[in-house]
Amino acid sequence: MGPSSQGDDRLWDEALDLVIRLQNDPYNPVTLQIVDAWRRRSPAHEEAWNEATEIHGLSGHVLQARSQEQRRRESHISRRLILSGSAAAAAGIAFLAAPSLLLQVMADHITSTGEIRRIALPD
């Protein structure tokens, strides 16, 4: 590997770093100044910048398409989701109603809350 290819790799790494920096904060004036100054250093810097933005743009399109497909799949309501939600709701209702139902099944007489009633027992 010669010195020019090492220099090209270094420029490529720097350009890619700047592209990612710019992507993370596109309106940061300091980042914009750094990018402009770096690109003006030499034609090799400008060439590395153009190559990095082109490759990053292509990968961005692929990632964007994947992201849209992922969101479409996640927003879809499946039968499994509906059934599990229904089962959870039924379990919650049963949990809340079980003590009252159990009491009604086992008791001979029941009064409502705060009610006092006299009941004559047969014995």
PDB file of N, CA and C in Angstrom:
ATOM      1  N   MET A   1       0.860  -1.171   0.000  1.00  0.00           N
ATOM      2  CA  MET A   1       0.000   0.000   0.000  1.00  0.00           C
ATOM      3  C   MET A   1       0.901   1.227   0.000  1.00  0.00           C
ATOM      4  N   GLY A   2       0.778   2.073  -1.010  1.00  0.00           N
ATOM      5  CA  GLY A   2       1.638   3.239  -1.140  1.00  0.00           C
ATOM      6  C   GLY A   2       1.134   4.416  -0.353  1.00  0.00           C
ATOM      7  N   PRO A   3       1.948   5.475  -0.312  1.00  0.00           N
ATOM      8  CA  PRO A   3       1.540   6.652   0.452  1.00  0.00           C
ATOM      9  C   PRO A   3       0.284   7.314  -0.092  1.00  0.00           C
ATOM     10  N   SER A   4       0.074   7.271  -1.436  1.00  0.00           N
ATOM     11  CA  SER A   4      -1.113   7.940  -1.979  1.00  0.00           C
ATOM     12  C   SER A   4      -2.392   7.204  -1.578  1.00  0.00           C
ATOM     13  N   SER A   5      -2.344   5.869  -1.533  1.00  0.00           N
ATOM     14  CA  SER A   5      -3.554   5.151  -1.136  1.00  0.00           C
ATOM     15  C   SER A   5      -3.841   5.341   0.356  1.00  0.00           C
ATOM     16  N   GLN A   6      -2.793   5.473   1.160  1.00  0.00           N
ATOM     17  CA  GLN A   6      -3.011   5.755   2.577  1.00  0.00           C
ATOM     18  C   GLN A   6      -3.618   7.143   2.751  1.00  0.00           C
ATOM     19  N   GLY A   7      -3.138   8.094   1.938  1.00  0.00           N
ATOM     20  CA  GLY A   7      -3.700   9.448   1.983  1.00  0.00           C
ATOM     21  C   GLY A   7      -5.141   9.460   1.523  1.00  0.00           C
ATOM     22  N   ASP A   8      -5.437   8.659   0.477  1.00  0.00           N
ATOM     23  CA  ASP A   8      -6.811   8.567  -0.002  1.00  0.00           C
ATOM     24  C   ASP A   8      -7.720   7.966   1.066  1.00  0.00           C
ATOM     25  N   ASP A   9      -7.242   6.935   1.746  1.00  0.00           N
ATOM     26  CA  ASP A   9      -8.023   6.321   2.825  1.00  0.00           C
ATOM     27  C   ASP A   9      -8.267   7.320   3.951  1.00  0.00           C
ATOM     28  N   ARG A  10      -7.251   8.096   4.267  1.00  0.00           N
ATOM     29  CA  ARG A  10      -7.395   9.090   5.333  1.00  0.00           C
ATOM     30  C   ARG A  10      -8.429  10.139   4.933  1.00  0.00           C
ATOM     31  N   LEU A  11      -8.344  10.611   3.674  1.00  0.00           N
ATOM     32  CA  LEU A  11      -9.319  11.601   3.197  1.00  0.00           C
ATOM     33  C   LEU A  11     -10.732  11.012   3.186  1.00  0.00           C
ATOM     34  N   TRP A  12     -10.828   9.782   2.751  1.00  0.00           N
ATOM     35  CA  TRP A  12     -12.135   9.116   2.723  1.00  0.00           C
ATOM     36  C   TRP A  12     -12.716   9.018   4.127  1.00  0.00           C
ATOM     37  N   ASP A  13     -11.890   8.610   5.094  1.00  0.00           N
ATOM     38  CA  ASP A  13     -12.352   8.519   6.486  1.00  0.00           C
ATOM     39  C   ASP A  13     -12.793   9.872   7.020  1.00  0.00           C
ATOM     40  N   GLU A  14     -12.015  10.901   6.723  1.00  0.00           N
ATOM     41  CA  GLU A  14     -12.373  12.251   7.178  1.00  0.00           C
ATOM     42  C   GLU A  14     -13.671  12.714   6.533  1.00  0.00           C
ATOM     43  N   ALA A  15     -13.811  12.467   5.223  1.00  0.00           N
ATOM     44  CA  ALA A  15     -15.027  12.884   4.515  1.00  0.00           C
ATOM     45  C   ALA A  15     -16.251  12.168   5.075  1.00  0.00           C
ATOM     46  N   LEU A  16     -16.122  10.890   5.307  1.00  0.00           N
ATOM     47  CA  LEU A  16     -17.251  10.132   5.854  1.00  0.00           C
ATOM     48  C   LEU A  16     -17.613  10.609   7.261  1.00  0.00           C
ATOM     49  N   ASP A  17     -16.596  10.921   8.055  1.00  0.00           N
ATOM     50  CA  ASP A  17     -16.834  11.455   9.394  1.00  0.00           C
ATOM     51  C   ASP A  17     -17.607  12.774   9.313  1.00  0.00           C
ATOM     52  N   LEU A  18     -17.216  13.626   8.368  1.00  0.00           N
ATOM     53  CA  LEU A  18     -17.914  14.909   8.218  1.00  0.00           C
ATOM     54  C   LEU A  18     -19.341  14.716   7.713  1.00  0.00           C
ATOM     55  N   VAL A  19     -19.546  13.765   6.819  1.00  0.00           N
ATOM     56  CA  VAL A  19     -20.901  13.494   6.319  1.00  0.00           C
ATOM     57  C   VAL A  19     -21.801  13.047   7.471  1.00  0.00           C
ATOM     58  N   ILE A  20     -21.283  12.172   8.311  1.00  0.00           N
ATOM     59  CA  ILE A  20     -22.077  11.683   9.446  1.00  0.00           C
ATOM     60  C   ILE A  20     -22.335  12.809  10.444  1.00  0.00           C
ATOM     61  N   ARG A  21     -21.313  13.633  10.664  1.00  0.00           N
ATOM     62  CA  ARG A  21     -21.494  14.788  11.555  1.00  0.00           C
ATOM     63  C   ARG A  21     -22.587  15.713  11.038  1.00  0.00           C
ATOM     64  N   LEU A  22     -22.548  15.956   9.737  1.00  0.00           N
ATOM     65  CA  LEU A  22     -23.533  16.841   9.114  1.00  0.00           C
ATOM     66  C   LEU A  22     -24.927  16.215   9.161  1.00  0.00           C
ATOM     67  N   GLN A  23     -24.996  14.907   9.028  1.00  0.00           N
ATOM     68  CA  GLN A  23     -26.290  14.231   9.099  1.00  0.00           C
ATOM     69  C   GLN A  23     -26.885  14.347  10.504  1.00  0.00           C
ATOM     70  N   ASN A  24     -26.047  14.230  11.526  1.00  0.00           N
ATOM     71  CA  ASN A  24     -26.535  14.285  12.903  1.00  0.00           C
ATOM     72  C   ASN A  24     -27.029  15.672  13.298  1.00  0.00           C
ATOM     73  N   ASP A  25     -26.403  16.713  12.757  1.00  0.00           N
ATOM     74  CA  ASP A  25     -26.811  18.085  13.097  1.00  0.00           C
ATOM     75  C   ASP A  25     -26.663  18.952  11.855  1.00  0.00           C
ATOM     76  N   PRO A  26     -27.613  18.878  10.913  1.00  0.00           N
ATOM     77  CA  PRO A  26     -27.456  19.531   9.617  1.00  0.00           C
ATOM     78  C   PRO A  26     -27.475  21.065   9.656  1.00  0.00           C
ATOM     79  N   TYR A  27     -27.987  21.657  10.702  1.00  0.00           N
ATOM     80  CA  TYR A  27     -28.094  23.122  10.748  1.00  0.00           C
ATOM     81  C   TYR A  27     -27.090  23.760  11.699  1.00  0.00           C
ATOM     82  N   ASN A  28     -26.143  22.986  12.179  1.00  0.00           N
ATOM     83  CA  ASN A  28     -25.123  23.507  13.082  1.00  0.00           C
ATOM     84  C   ASN A  28     -24.136  24.360  12.273  1.00  0.00           C
ATOM     85  N   PRO A  29     -24.033  25.664  12.562  1.00  0.00           N
ATOM     86  CA  PRO A  29     -23.156  26.527  11.765  1.00  0.00           C
ATOM     87  C   PRO A  29     -21.678  26.147  11.888  1.00  0.00           C
ATOM     88  N   VAL A  30     -21.267  25.648  13.040  1.00  0.00           N
ATOM     89  CA  VAL A  30     -19.867  25.246  13.208  1.00  0.00           C
ATOM     90  C   VAL A  30     -19.546  24.059  12.307  1.00  0.00           C
ATOM     91  N   THR A  31     -20.445  23.082  12.276  1.00  0.00           N
ATOM     92  CA  THR A  31     -20.237  21.915  11.412  1.00  0.00           C
ATOM     93  C   THR A  31     -20.207  22.333   9.952  1.00  0.00           C
ATOM     94  N   LEU A  32     -21.096  23.228   9.555  1.00  0.00           N
ATOM     95  CA  LEU A  32     -21.112  23.707   8.171  1.00  0.00           C
ATOM     96  C   LEU A  32     -19.813  24.412   7.812  1.00  0.00           C
ATOM     97  N   GLN A  33     -19.271  25.208   8.718  1.00  0.00           N
ATOM     98  CA  GLN A  33     -17.998  25.884   8.465  1.00  0.00           C
ATOM     99  C   GLN A  33     -16.860  24.883   8.357  1.00  0.00           C
ATOM    100  N   ILE A  34     -16.846  23.889   9.214  1.00  0.00           N
ATOM    101  CA  ILE A  34     -15.793  22.867   9.171  1.00  0.00           C
ATOM    102  C   ILE A  34     -15.834  22.124   7.838  1.00  0.00           C
ATOM    103  N   VAL A  35     -17.029  21.755   7.400  1.00  0.00           N
ATOM    104  CA  VAL A  35     -17.174  21.035   6.135  1.00  0.00           C
ATOM    105  C   VAL A  35     -16.700  21.896   4.975  1.00  0.00           C
ATOM    106  N   ASP A  36     -17.125  23.167   4.943  1.00  0.00           N
ATOM    107  CA  ASP A  36     -16.709  24.060   3.857  1.00  0.00           C
ATOM    108  C   ASP A  36     -15.199  24.245   3.830  1.00  0.00           C
ATOM    109  N   ALA A  37     -14.610  24.451   4.986  1.00  0.00           N
ATOM    110  CA  ALA A  37     -13.149  24.644   5.041  1.00  0.00           C
ATOM    111  C   ALA A  37     -12.428  23.366   4.621  1.00  0.00           C
ATOM    112  N   TRP A  38     -12.916  22.225   5.036  1.00  0.00           N
ATOM    113  CA  TRP A  38     -12.272  20.961   4.679  1.00  0.00           C
ATOM    114  C   TRP A  38     -12.346  20.727   3.178  1.00  0.00           C
ATOM    115  N   ARG A  39     -13.493  21.006   2.574  1.00  0.00           N
ATOM    116  CA  ARG A  39     -13.662  20.796   1.132  1.00  0.00           C
ATOM    117  C   ARG A  39     -12.784  21.725   0.307  1.00  0.00           C
ATOM    118  N   ARG A  40     -12.503  22.926   0.814  1.00  0.00           N
ATOM    119  CA  ARG A  40     -11.692  23.901   0.065  1.00  0.00           C
ATOM    120  C   ARG A  40     -10.195  23.623   0.161  1.00  0.00           C
ATOM    121  N   ARG A  41      -9.772  22.681   0.984  1.00  0.00           N
ATOM    122  CA  ARG A  41      -8.338  22.416   1.155  1.00  0.00           C
ATOM    123  C   ARG A  41      -7.642  22.023  -0.141  1.00  0.00           C
ATOM    124  N   SER A  42      -8.269  21.129  -0.920  1.00  0.00           N
ATOM    125  CA  SER A  42      -7.653  20.688  -2.170  1.00  0.00           C
ATOM    126  C   SER A  42      -8.692  19.999  -3.036  1.00  0.00           C
ATOM    127  N   PRO A  43      -8.381  19.808  -4.309  1.00  0.00           N
ATOM    128  CA  PRO A  43      -9.292  19.052  -5.172  1.00  0.00           C
ATOM    129  C   PRO A  43      -9.478  17.608  -4.686  1.00  0.00           C
ATOM    130  N   ALA A  44      -8.454  17.031  -4.054  1.00  0.00           N
ATOM    131  CA  ALA A  44      -8.582  15.668  -3.521  1.00  0.00           C
ATOM    132  C   ALA A  44      -9.595  15.633  -2.388  1.00  0.00           C
ATOM    133  N   HIS A  45      -9.618  16.685  -1.575  1.00  0.00           N
ATOM    134  CA  HIS A  45     -10.608  16.766  -0.494  1.00  0.00           C
ATOM    135  C   HIS A  45     -12.014  16.853  -1.077  1.00  0.00           C
ATOM    136  N   GLU A  46     -12.171  17.679  -2.110  1.00  0.00           N
ATOM    137  CA  GLU A  46     -13.477  17.831  -2.750  1.00  0.00           C
ATOM    138  C   GLU A  46     -13.915  16.513  -3.392  1.00  0.00           C
ATOM    139  N   GLU A  47     -12.995  15.813  -4.016  1.00  0.00           N
ATOM    140  CA  GLU A  47     -13.309  14.526  -4.651  1.00  0.00           C
ATOM    141  C   GLU A  47     -13.718  13.494  -3.595  1.00  0.00           C
ATOM    142  N   ALA A  48     -12.988  13.450  -2.480  1.00  0.00           N
ATOM    143  CA  ALA A  48     -13.345  12.528  -1.398  1.00  0.00           C
ATOM    144  C   ALA A  48     -14.719  12.871  -0.836  1.00  0.00           C
ATOM    145  N   TRP A  49     -15.006  14.175  -0.707  1.00  0.00           N
ATOM    146  CA  TRP A  49     -16.310  14.608  -0.206  1.00  0.00           C
ATOM    147  C   TRP A  49     -17.428  14.150  -1.136  1.00  0.00           C
ATOM    148  N   ASN A  50     -17.249  14.369  -2.441  1.00  0.00           N
ATOM    149  CA  ASN A  50     -18.283  13.983  -3.405  1.00  0.00           C
ATOM    150  C   ASN A  50     -18.518  12.475  -3.384  1.00  0.00           C
ATOM    151  N   GLU A  51     -17.442  11.703  -3.297  1.00  0.00           N
ATOM    152  CA  GLU A  51     -17.575  10.249  -3.252  1.00  0.00           C
ATOM    153  C   GLU A  51     -18.283   9.802  -1.967  1.00  0.00           C
ATOM    154  N   ALA A  52     -17.901  10.395  -0.850  1.00  0.00           N
ATOM    155  CA  ALA A  52     -18.509  10.017   0.431  1.00  0.00           C
ATOM    156  C   ALA A  52     -19.991  10.376   0.461  1.00  0.00           C
ATOM    157  N   THR A  53     -20.359  11.561  -0.027  1.00  0.00           N
ATOM    158  CA  THR A  53     -21.777  11.941  -0.015  1.00  0.00           C
ATOM    159  C   THR A  53     -22.588  11.087  -0.971  1.00  0.00           C
ATOM    160  N   GLU A  54     -21.990  10.718  -2.110  1.00  0.00           N
ATOM    161  CA  GLU A  54     -22.708   9.873  -3.063  1.00  0.00           C
ATOM    162  C   GLU A  54     -22.964   8.491  -2.467  1.00  0.00           C
ATOM    163  N   ILE A  55     -21.930   7.892  -1.889  1.00  0.00           N
ATOM    164  CA  ILE A  55     -22.094   6.558  -1.296  1.00  0.00           C
ATOM    165  C   ILE A  55     -23.025   6.621  -0.090  1.00  0.00           C
ATOM    166  N   HIS A  56     -22.867   7.653   0.730  1.00  0.00           N
ATOM    167  CA  HIS A  56     -23.736   7.795   1.902  1.00  0.00           C
ATOM    168  C   HIS A  56     -25.177   8.005   1.455  1.00  0.00           C
ATOM    169  N   GLY A  57     -25.375   8.776   0.393  1.00  0.00           N
ATOM    170  CA  GLY A  57     -26.725   9.000  -0.123  1.00  0.00           C
ATOM    171  C   GLY A  57     -27.355   7.718  -0.620  1.00  0.00           C
ATOM    172  N   LEU A  58     -26.578   6.882  -1.308  1.00  0.00           N
ATOM    173  CA  LEU A  58     -27.109   5.606  -1.785  1.00  0.00           C
ATOM    174  C   LEU A  58     -27.483   4.703  -0.621  1.00  0.00           C
ATOM    175  N   SER A  59     -26.616   4.637   0.383  1.00  0.00           N
ATOM    176  CA  SER A  59     -26.942   3.800   1.541  1.00  0.00           C
ATOM    177  C   SER A  59     -28.127   4.380   2.296  1.00  0.00           C
ATOM    178  N   GLY A  60     -28.238   5.703   2.296  1.00  0.00           N
ATOM    179  CA  GLY A  60     -29.375   6.338   2.961  1.00  0.00           C
ATOM    180  C   GLY A  60     -30.692   5.964   2.316  1.00  0.00           C
ATOM    181  N   HIS A  61     -30.703   5.851   0.970  1.00  0.00           N
ATOM    182  CA  HIS A  61     -31.927   5.446   0.283  1.00  0.00           C
ATOM    183  C   HIS A  61     -32.310   4.017   0.646  1.00  0.00           C
ATOM    184  N   VAL A  62     -31.318   3.138   0.714  1.00  0.00           N
ATOM    185  CA  VAL A  62     -31.590   1.749   1.083  1.00  0.00           C
ATOM    186  C   VAL A  62     -32.118   1.682   2.511  1.00  0.00           C
ATOM    187  N   LEU A  63     -31.466   2.405   3.428  1.00  0.00           N
ATOM    188  CA  LEU A  63     -31.905   2.387   4.826  1.00  0.00           C
ATOM    189  C   LEU A  63     -33.283   3.013   4.974  1.00  0.00           C
ATOM    190  N   GLN A  64     -33.566   4.060   4.199  1.00  0.00           N
ATOM    191  CA  GLN A  64     -34.871   4.707   4.273  1.00  0.00           C
ATOM    192  C   GLN A  64     -35.961   3.742   3.797  1.00  0.00           C
ATOM    193  N   ALA A  65     -35.698   3.011   2.724  1.00  0.00           N
ATOM    194  CA  ALA A  65     -36.674   2.041   2.223  1.00  0.00           C
ATOM    195  C   ALA A  65     -36.907   0.945   3.259  1.00  0.00           C
ATOM    196  N   ARG A  66     -35.833   0.474   3.893  1.00  0.00           N
ATOM    197  CA  ARG A  66     -35.982  -0.538   4.937  1.00  0.00           C
ATOM    198  C   ARG A  66     -36.776  -0.003   6.108  1.00  0.00           C
ATOM    199  N   SER A  67     -36.516   1.247   6.483  1.00  0.00           N
ATOM    200  CA  SER A  67     -37.214   1.857   7.609  1.00  0.00           C
ATOM    201  C   SER A  67     -38.706   1.988   7.311  1.00  0.00           C
ATOM    202  N   GLN A  68     -39.043   2.394   6.088  1.00  0.00           N
ATOM    203  CA  GLN A  68     -40.450   2.518   5.726  1.00  0.00           C
ATOM    204  C   GLN A  68     -41.147   1.163   5.753  1.00  0.00           C
ATOM    205  N   GLU A  69     -40.470   0.124   5.259  1.00  0.00           N
ATOM    206  CA  GLU A  69     -41.042  -1.222   5.287  1.00  0.00           C
ATOM    207  C   GLU A  69     -41.231  -1.695   6.723  1.00  0.00           C
ATOM    208  N   GLN A  70     -40.259  -1.408   7.571  1.00  0.00           N
ATOM    209  CA  GLN A  70     -40.349  -1.793   8.989  1.00  0.00           C
ATOM    210  C   GLN A  70     -41.537  -1.097   9.653  1.00  0.00           C
ATOM    211  N   ARG A  71     -41.706   0.211   9.399  1.00  0.00           N
ATOM    212  CA  ARG A  71     -42.833   0.946   9.990  1.00  0.00           C
ATOM    213  C   ARG A  71     -44.160   0.405   9.493  1.00  0.00           C
ATOM    214  N   ARG A  72     -44.213   0.018   8.213  1.00  0.00           N
ATOM    215  CA  ARG A  72     -45.448  -0.526   7.655  1.00  0.00           C
ATOM    216  C   ARG A  72     -45.801  -1.831   8.351  1.00  0.00           C
ATOM    217  N   ARG A  73     -44.796  -2.679   8.587  1.00  0.00           N
ATOM    218  CA  ARG A  73     -45.042  -3.949   9.264  1.00  0.00           C
ATOM    219  C   ARG A  73     -45.458  -3.738  10.710  1.00  0.00           C
ATOM    220  N   GLU A  74     -44.826  -2.783  11.385  1.00  0.00           N
ATOM    221  CA  GLU A  74     -45.125  -2.549  12.793  1.00  0.00           C
ATOM    222  C   GLU A  74     -46.504  -1.940  12.992  1.00  0.00           C
ATOM    223  N   SER A  75     -46.989  -1.163  12.017  1.00  0.00           N
ATOM    224  CA  SER A  75     -48.293  -0.527  12.173  1.00  0.00           C
ATOM    225  C   SER A  75     -49.444  -1.479  11.860  1.00  0.00           C
ATOM    226  N   HIS A  76     -49.149  -2.627  11.281  1.00  0.00           N
ATOM    227  CA  HIS A  76     -50.170  -3.604  10.936  1.00  0.00           C
ATOM    228  C   HIS A  76     -50.647  -4.319  12.200  1.00  0.00           C
ATOM    229  N   ILE A  77     -51.957  -4.381  12.383  1.00  0.00           N
ATOM    230  CA  ILE A  77     -52.528  -5.066  13.540  1.00  0.00           C
ATOM    231  C   ILE A  77     -52.806  -6.505  13.137  1.00  0.00           C
ATOM    232  N   SER A  78     -52.179  -7.435  13.824  1.00  0.00           N
ATOM    233  CA  SER A  78     -52.326  -8.843  13.476  1.00  0.00           C
ATOM    234  C   SER A  78     -53.417  -9.495  14.320  1.00  0.00           C
ATOM    235  N   ARG A  79     -53.842 -10.661  13.870  1.00  0.00           N
ATOM    236  CA  ARG A  79     -54.834 -11.417  14.630  1.00  0.00           C
ATOM    237  C   ARG A  79     -54.264 -11.845  15.978  1.00  0.00           C
ATOM    238  N   ARG A  80     -52.978 -12.155  15.979  1.00  0.00           N
ATOM    239  CA  ARG A  80     -52.334 -12.560  17.236  1.00  0.00           C
ATOM    240  C   ARG A  80     -52.413 -11.432  18.260  1.00  0.00           C
ATOM    241  N   LEU A  81     -52.182 -10.190  17.806  1.00  0.00           N
ATOM    242  CA  LEU A  81     -52.256  -9.046  18.701  1.00  0.00           C
ATOM    243  C   LEU A  81     -53.675  -8.854  19.232  1.00  0.00           C
ATOM    244  N   ILE A  82     -54.650  -9.005  18.374  1.00  0.00           N
ATOM    245  CA  ILE A  82     -56.048  -8.849  18.791  1.00  0.00           C
ATOM    246  C   ILE A  82     -56.438  -9.943  19.782  1.00  0.00           C
ATOM    247  N   LEU A  83     -56.048 -11.187  19.492  1.00  0.00           N
ATOM    248  CA  LEU A  83     -56.386 -12.295  20.396  1.00  0.00           C
ATOM    249  C   LEU A  83     -55.697 -12.153  21.740  1.00  0.00           C
ATOM    250  N   SER A  84     -54.429 -11.766  21.725  1.00  0.00           N
ATOM    251  CA  SER A  84     -53.738 -11.618  23.005  1.00  0.00           C
ATOM    252  C   SER A  84     -54.317 -10.456  23.804  1.00  0.00           C
ATOM    253  N   GLY A  85     -54.713  -9.382  23.140  1.00  0.00           N
ATOM    254  CA  GLY A  85     -55.355  -8.268  23.838  1.00  0.00           C
ATOM    255  C   GLY A  85     -56.701  -8.672  24.419  1.00  0.00           C
ATOM    256  N   SER A  86     -57.453  -9.450  23.665  1.00  0.00           N
ATOM    257  CA  SER A  86     -58.751  -9.919  24.152  1.00  0.00           C
ATOM    258  C   SER A  86     -58.583 -10.847  25.343  1.00  0.00           C
ATOM    259  N   ALA A  87     -57.596 -11.738  25.263  1.00  0.00           N
ATOM    260  CA  ALA A  87     -57.344 -12.662  26.369  1.00  0.00           C
ATOM    261  C   ALA A  87     -56.912 -11.899  27.619  1.00  0.00           C
ATOM    262  N   ALA A  88     -56.087 -10.887  27.448  1.00  0.00           N
ATOM    263  CA  ALA A  88     -55.652 -10.088  28.600  1.00  0.00           C
ATOM    264  C   ALA A  88     -56.831  -9.338  29.214  1.00  0.00           C
ATOM    265  N   ALA A  89     -57.712  -8.804  28.382  1.00  0.00           N
ATOM    266  CA  ALA A  89     -58.886  -8.092  28.887  1.00  0.00           C
ATOM    267  C   ALA A  89     -59.811  -9.054  29.645  1.00  0.00           C
ATOM    268  N   ALA A  90     -60.017 -10.254  29.097  1.00  0.00           N
ATOM    269  CA  ALA A  90     -60.876 -11.237  29.767  1.00  0.00           C
ATOM    270  C   ALA A  90     -60.275 -11.656  31.103  1.00  0.00           C
ATOM    271  N   ALA A  91     -58.961 -11.838  31.138  1.00  0.00           N
ATOM    272  CA  ALA A  91     -58.303 -12.213  32.399  1.00  0.00           C
ATOM    273  C   ALA A  91     -58.439 -11.095  33.425  1.00  0.00           C
ATOM    274  N   GLY A  92     -58.320  -9.848  32.997  1.00  0.00           N
ATOM    275  CA  GLY A  92     -58.474  -8.718  33.915  1.00  0.00           C
ATOM    276  C   GLY A  92     -59.877  -8.621  34.474  1.00  0.00           C
ATOM    277  N   ILE A  93     -60.864  -8.829  33.626  1.00  0.00           N
ATOM    278  CA  ILE A  93     -62.259  -8.788  34.073  1.00  0.00           C
ATOM    279  C   ILE A  93     -62.534  -9.923  35.054  1.00  0.00           C
ATOM    280  N   ALA A  94     -62.029 -11.111  34.733  1.00  0.00           N
ATOM    281  CA  ALA A  94     -62.226 -12.255  35.628  1.00  0.00           C
ATOM    282  C   ALA A  94     -61.545 -12.017  36.974  1.00  0.00           C
ATOM    283  N   PHE A  95     -60.365 -11.426  36.945  1.00  0.00           N
ATOM    284  CA  PHE A  95     -59.640 -11.138  38.187  1.00  0.00           C
ATOM    285  C   PHE A  95     -60.428 -10.168  39.066  1.00  0.00           C
ATOM    286  N   LEU A  96     -61.049  -9.166  38.456  1.00  0.00           N
ATOM    287  CA  LEU A  96     -61.809  -8.188  39.224  1.00  0.00           C
ATOM    288  C   LEU A  96     -63.159  -8.731  39.674  1.00  0.00           C
ATOM    289  N   ALA A  97     -63.783  -9.573  38.867  1.00  0.00           N
ATOM    290  CA  ALA A  97     -65.126 -10.058  39.188  1.00  0.00           C
ATOM    291  C   ALA A  97     -65.119 -11.337  40.017  1.00  0.00           C
ATOM    292  N   ALA A  98     -64.034 -12.060  40.051  1.00  0.00           N
ATOM    293  CA  ALA A  98     -63.995 -13.372  40.721  1.00  0.00           C
ATOM    294  C   ALA A  98     -64.372 -13.315  42.199  1.00  0.00           C
ATOM    295  N   PRO A  99     -63.842 -12.400  43.002  1.00  0.00           N
ATOM    296  CA  PRO A  99     -64.220 -12.408  44.427  1.00  0.00           C
ATOM    297  C   PRO A  99     -65.723 -12.213  44.638  1.00  0.00           C
ATOM    298  N   SER A 100     -66.325 -11.317  43.895  1.00  0.00           N
ATOM    299  CA  SER A 100     -67.753 -11.062  44.048  1.00  0.00           C
ATOM    300  C   SER A 100     -68.571 -12.277  43.604  1.00  0.00           C
ATOM    301  N   LEU A 101     -68.201 -12.869  42.495  1.00  0.00           N
ATOM    302  CA  LEU A 101     -68.924 -14.047  42.006  1.00  0.00           C
ATOM    303  C   LEU A 101     -68.769 -15.222  42.957  1.00  0.00           C
ATOM    304  N   LEU A 102     -67.586 -15.411  43.479  1.00  0.00           N
ATOM    305  CA  LEU A 102     -67.340 -16.500  44.413  1.00  0.00           C
ATOM    306  C   LEU A 102     -68.180 -16.331  45.679  1.00  0.00           C
ATOM    307  N   LEU A 103     -68.262 -15.094  46.169  1.00  0.00           N
ATOM    308  CA  LEU A 103     -69.067 -14.817  47.356  1.00  0.00           C
ATOM    309  C   LEU A 103     -70.544 -15.098  47.096  1.00  0.00           C
ATOM    310  N   GLN A 104     -71.041 -14.698  45.946  1.00  0.00           N
ATOM    311  CA  GLN A 104     -72.451 -14.924  45.617  1.00  0.00           C
ATOM    312  C   GLN A 104     -72.766 -16.409  45.486  1.00  0.00           C
ATOM    313  N   VAL A 105     -71.831 -17.173  44.985  1.00  0.00           N
ATOM    314  CA  VAL A 105     -72.056 -18.618  44.841  1.00  0.00           C
ATOM    315  C   VAL A 105     -72.066 -19.304  46.200  1.00  0.00           C
ATOM    316  N   MET A 106     -71.214 -18.900  47.108  1.00  0.00           N
ATOM    317  CA  MET A 106     -71.060 -19.593  48.388  1.00  0.00           C
ATOM    318  C   MET A 106     -72.036 -19.107  49.463  1.00  0.00           C
ATOM    319  N   ALA A 107     -72.507 -17.878  49.394  1.00  0.00           N
ATOM    320  CA  ALA A 107     -73.324 -17.315  50.476  1.00  0.00           C
ATOM    321  C   ALA A 107     -74.805 -17.651  50.303  1.00  0.00           C
ATOM    322  N   ASP A 108     -75.498 -17.802  51.450  1.00  0.00           N
ATOM    323  CA  ASP A 108     -76.945 -18.001  51.431  1.00  0.00           C
ATOM    324  C   ASP A 108     -77.663 -16.658  51.341  1.00  0.00           C
ATOM    325  N   HIS A 109     -77.081 -15.633  51.993  1.00  0.00           N
ATOM    326  CA  HIS A 109     -77.663 -14.289  52.007  1.00  0.00           C
ATOM    327  C   HIS A 109     -76.536 -13.285  51.829  1.00  0.00           C
ATOM    328  N   ILE A 110     -76.814 -12.229  51.087  1.00  0.00           N
ATOM    329  CA  ILE A 110     -75.807 -11.189  50.851  1.00  0.00           C
ATOM    330  C   ILE A 110     -76.466  -9.828  51.029  1.00  0.00           C
ATOM    331  N   THR A 111     -75.758  -8.903  51.674  1.00  0.00           N
ATOM    332  CA  THR A 111     -76.239  -7.528  51.801  1.00  0.00           C
ATOM    333  C   THR A 111     -75.314  -6.642  50.982  1.00  0.00           C
ATOM    334  N   SER A 112     -75.836  -5.518  50.597  1.00  0.00           N
ATOM    335  CA  SER A 112     -74.991  -4.587  49.857  1.00  0.00           C
ATOM    336  C   SER A 112     -74.134  -3.800  50.844  1.00  0.00           C
ATOM    337  N   THR A 113     -73.248  -3.000  50.362  1.00  0.00           N
ATOM    338  CA  THR A 113     -72.320  -2.251  51.208  1.00  0.00           C
ATOM    339  C   THR A 113     -73.101  -1.304  52.122  1.00  0.00           C
ATOM    340  N   GLY A 114     -72.839  -1.395  53.415  1.00  0.00           N
ATOM    341  CA  GLY A 114     -73.478  -0.523  54.399  1.00  0.00           C
ATOM    342  C   GLY A 114     -74.882  -0.956  54.803  1.00  0.00           C
ATOM    343  N   GLU A 115     -75.392  -2.013  54.239  1.00  0.00           N
ATOM    344  CA  GLU A 115     -76.751  -2.472  54.551  1.00  0.00           C
ATOM    345  C   GLU A 115     -76.726  -3.393  55.769  1.00  0.00           C
ATOM    346  N   ILE A 116     -77.708  -3.202  56.639  1.00  0.00           N
ATOM    347  CA  ILE A 116     -77.858  -4.067  57.810  1.00  0.00           C
ATOM    348  C   ILE A 116     -79.209  -4.768  57.668  1.00  0.00           C
ATOM    349  N   ARG A 117     -79.203  -6.065  57.759  1.00  0.00           N
ATOM    350  CA  ARG A 117     -80.430  -6.830  57.606  1.00  0.00           C
ATOM    351  C   ARG A 117     -80.471  -7.932  58.673  1.00  0.00           C
ATOM    352  N   ARG A 118     -81.652  -8.115  59.243  1.00  0.00           N
ATOM    353  CA  ARG A 118     -81.819  -9.198  60.218  1.00  0.00           C
ATOM    354  C   ARG A 118     -82.453 -10.372  59.485  1.00  0.00           C
ATOM    355  N   ILE A 119     -81.815 -11.503  59.666  1.00  0.00           N
ATOM    356  CA  ILE A 119     -82.299 -12.730  59.010  1.00  0.00           C
ATOM    357  C   ILE A 119     -82.456 -13.789  60.094  1.00  0.00           C
ATOM    358  N   ALA A 120     -83.660 -14.368  60.159  1.00  0.00           N
ATOM    359  CA  ALA A 120     -83.913 -15.446  61.139  1.00  0.00           C
ATOM    360  C   ALA A 120     -83.397 -16.762  60.562  1.00  0.00           C
ATOM    361  N   LEU A 121     -82.542 -17.397  61.280  1.00  0.00           N
ATOM    362  CA  LEU A 121     -81.978 -18.668  60.831  1.00  0.00           C
ATOM    363  C   LEU A 121     -82.881 -19.806  61.281  1.00  0.00           C
ATOM    364  N   PRO A 122     -82.954 -20.883  60.544  1.00  0.00           N
ATOM    365  CA  PRO A 122     -83.891 -21.973  60.868  1.00  0.00           C
ATOM    366  C   PRO A 122     -83.511 -22.720  62.137  1.00  0.00           C
ATOM    367  N   ASP A 123     -82.346 -22.664  62.634  1.00  0.00           N
ATOM    368  CA  ASP A 123     -82.002 -23.454  63.836  1.00  0.00           C
ATOM    369  C   ASP A 123     -82.197 -22.579  65.029  1.00  0.00           C
TER     370      ASP A 123
END
